[in-house]
Amino acid sequence: FRLIRRGTQKPSDAETRRNPRSRSARLRVAERTSAPPMQED
């Protein structure tokens, strides 16, 4: 995966007014690359 944005994105003030439960939400964004999946042990 390649990180699109470092850290997290919080909901906007407008979003929290429309949806109070979104206050605790944190969004992380990544893009899948062409690299093969990692093997588990």
N, C-alpha and C. Protein backbone atom coordinates (compact mmCIF):
# COMPACT_ATOMS: atom_id res chain seq x y z
N PHE A 1 0.84 -1.19 0.00
CA PHE A 1 0.00 0.00 0.00
C PHE A 1 0.88 1.24 0.00
N ARG A 2 0.36 2.30 -0.57
CA ARG A 2 1.04 3.60 -0.56
C ARG A 2 0.13 4.57 0.17
N LEU A 3 0.68 5.27 1.17
CA LEU A 3 -0.12 6.23 1.92
C LEU A 3 -0.43 7.45 1.06
N ILE A 4 -1.69 7.83 1.00
CA ILE A 4 -2.12 9.02 0.26
C ILE A 4 -1.96 10.25 1.14
N ARG A 5 -2.26 10.09 2.39
CA ARG A 5 -2.19 11.20 3.34
C ARG A 5 -1.59 10.67 4.64
N ARG A 6 -0.58 11.37 5.15
CA ARG A 6 0.03 10.95 6.42
C ARG A 6 -0.90 11.30 7.57
N GLY A 7 -0.97 10.43 8.55
CA GLY A 7 -1.82 10.68 9.71
C GLY A 7 -3.27 10.39 9.41
N THR A 8 -4.15 11.09 10.13
CA THR A 8 -5.58 10.86 9.98
C THR A 8 -6.29 12.14 9.59
N GLN A 9 -7.47 11.98 9.05
CA GLN A 9 -8.32 13.12 8.70
C GLN A 9 -9.53 13.09 9.62
N LYS A 10 -9.81 14.21 10.25
CA LYS A 10 -10.95 14.32 11.16
C LYS A 10 -12.15 14.88 10.39
N PRO A 11 -13.36 14.62 10.86
CA PRO A 11 -14.54 15.18 10.19
C PRO A 11 -14.57 16.70 10.33
N SER A 12 -15.14 17.36 9.35
CA SER A 12 -15.25 18.82 9.39
C SER A 12 -16.28 19.25 10.43
N ASP A 13 -16.27 20.54 10.76
CA ASP A 13 -17.26 21.07 11.69
C ASP A 13 -18.68 20.88 11.14
N ALA A 14 -18.84 21.06 9.83
CA ALA A 14 -20.16 20.88 9.22
C ALA A 14 -20.63 19.43 9.36
N GLU A 15 -19.71 18.48 9.18
CA GLU A 15 -20.06 17.06 9.32
C GLU A 15 -20.49 16.75 10.74
N THR A 16 -19.76 17.26 11.73
CA THR A 16 -20.12 16.95 13.12
C THR A 16 -21.43 17.62 13.52
N ARG A 17 -21.78 18.74 12.90
CA ARG A 17 -23.09 19.35 13.17
C ARG A 17 -24.21 18.48 12.58
N ARG A 18 -24.00 17.95 11.36
CA ARG A 18 -25.00 17.09 10.72
C ARG A 18 -25.07 15.72 11.38
N ASN A 19 -23.91 15.23 11.84
CA ASN A 19 -23.82 13.87 12.37
C ASN A 19 -22.93 13.88 13.61
N PRO A 20 -23.49 14.13 14.80
CA PRO A 20 -22.68 14.24 16.02
C PRO A 20 -21.84 13.00 16.33
N ARG A 21 -22.28 11.83 15.90
CA ARG A 21 -21.51 10.61 16.18
C ARG A 21 -20.20 10.56 15.41
N SER A 22 -20.04 11.40 14.40
CA SER A 22 -18.81 11.40 13.62
C SER A 22 -17.64 12.06 14.34
N ARG A 23 -17.88 12.65 15.52
CA ARG A 23 -16.81 13.34 16.25
C ARG A 23 -15.61 12.44 16.49
N SER A 24 -15.84 11.17 16.78
CA SER A 24 -14.74 10.27 17.11
C SER A 24 -14.15 9.58 15.88
N ALA A 25 -14.67 9.84 14.70
CA ALA A 25 -14.19 9.17 13.49
C ALA A 25 -12.83 9.70 13.06
N ARG A 26 -11.98 8.80 12.56
CA ARG A 26 -10.69 9.17 12.00
C ARG A 26 -10.53 8.38 10.71
N LEU A 27 -10.19 9.06 9.63
CA LEU A 27 -10.06 8.42 8.32
C LEU A 27 -8.59 8.27 7.96
N ARG A 28 -8.21 7.07 7.54
CA ARG A 28 -6.86 6.81 7.03
C ARG A 28 -7.00 6.39 5.58
N VAL A 29 -6.12 6.90 4.73
CA VAL A 29 -6.24 6.65 3.29
C VAL A 29 -4.97 6.02 2.76
N ALA A 30 -5.12 4.93 2.00
CA ALA A 30 -3.99 4.27 1.35
C ALA A 30 -4.46 3.73 0.00
N GLU A 31 -3.51 3.56 -0.90
CA GLU A 31 -3.81 3.04 -2.24
C GLU A 31 -3.05 1.73 -2.43
N ARG A 32 -3.73 0.73 -2.96
CA ARG A 32 -3.08 -0.56 -3.21
C ARG A 32 -2.13 -0.39 -4.39
N THR A 33 -0.92 -0.93 -4.25
CA THR A 33 0.07 -0.89 -5.32
C THR A 33 0.10 -2.25 -6.02
N SER A 34 0.95 -2.36 -7.02
CA SER A 34 1.05 -3.63 -7.75
C SER A 34 1.97 -4.63 -7.04
N ALA A 35 2.55 -4.27 -5.91
CA ALA A 35 3.42 -5.18 -5.16
C ALA A 35 2.61 -6.39 -4.69
N PRO A 36 3.22 -7.57 -4.68
CA PRO A 36 2.51 -8.77 -4.22
C PRO A 36 2.23 -8.68 -2.72
N PRO A 37 1.19 -9.38 -2.25
CA PRO A 37 0.87 -9.37 -0.82
C PRO A 37 2.01 -9.97 0.00
N MET A 38 2.16 -9.50 1.23
CA MET A 38 3.18 -10.05 2.13
C MET A 38 2.75 -11.43 2.59
N GLN A 39 3.71 -12.34 2.72
CA GLN A 39 3.44 -13.69 3.19
C GLN A 39 3.41 -13.72 4.71
N GLU A 40 2.45 -14.43 5.28
CA GLU A 40 2.39 -14.59 6.73
C GLU A 40 3.25 -15.76 7.14
N ASP A 41 3.78 -15.72 8.36
CA ASP A 41 4.61 -16.83 8.86
C ASP A 41 3.78 -17.99 9.28
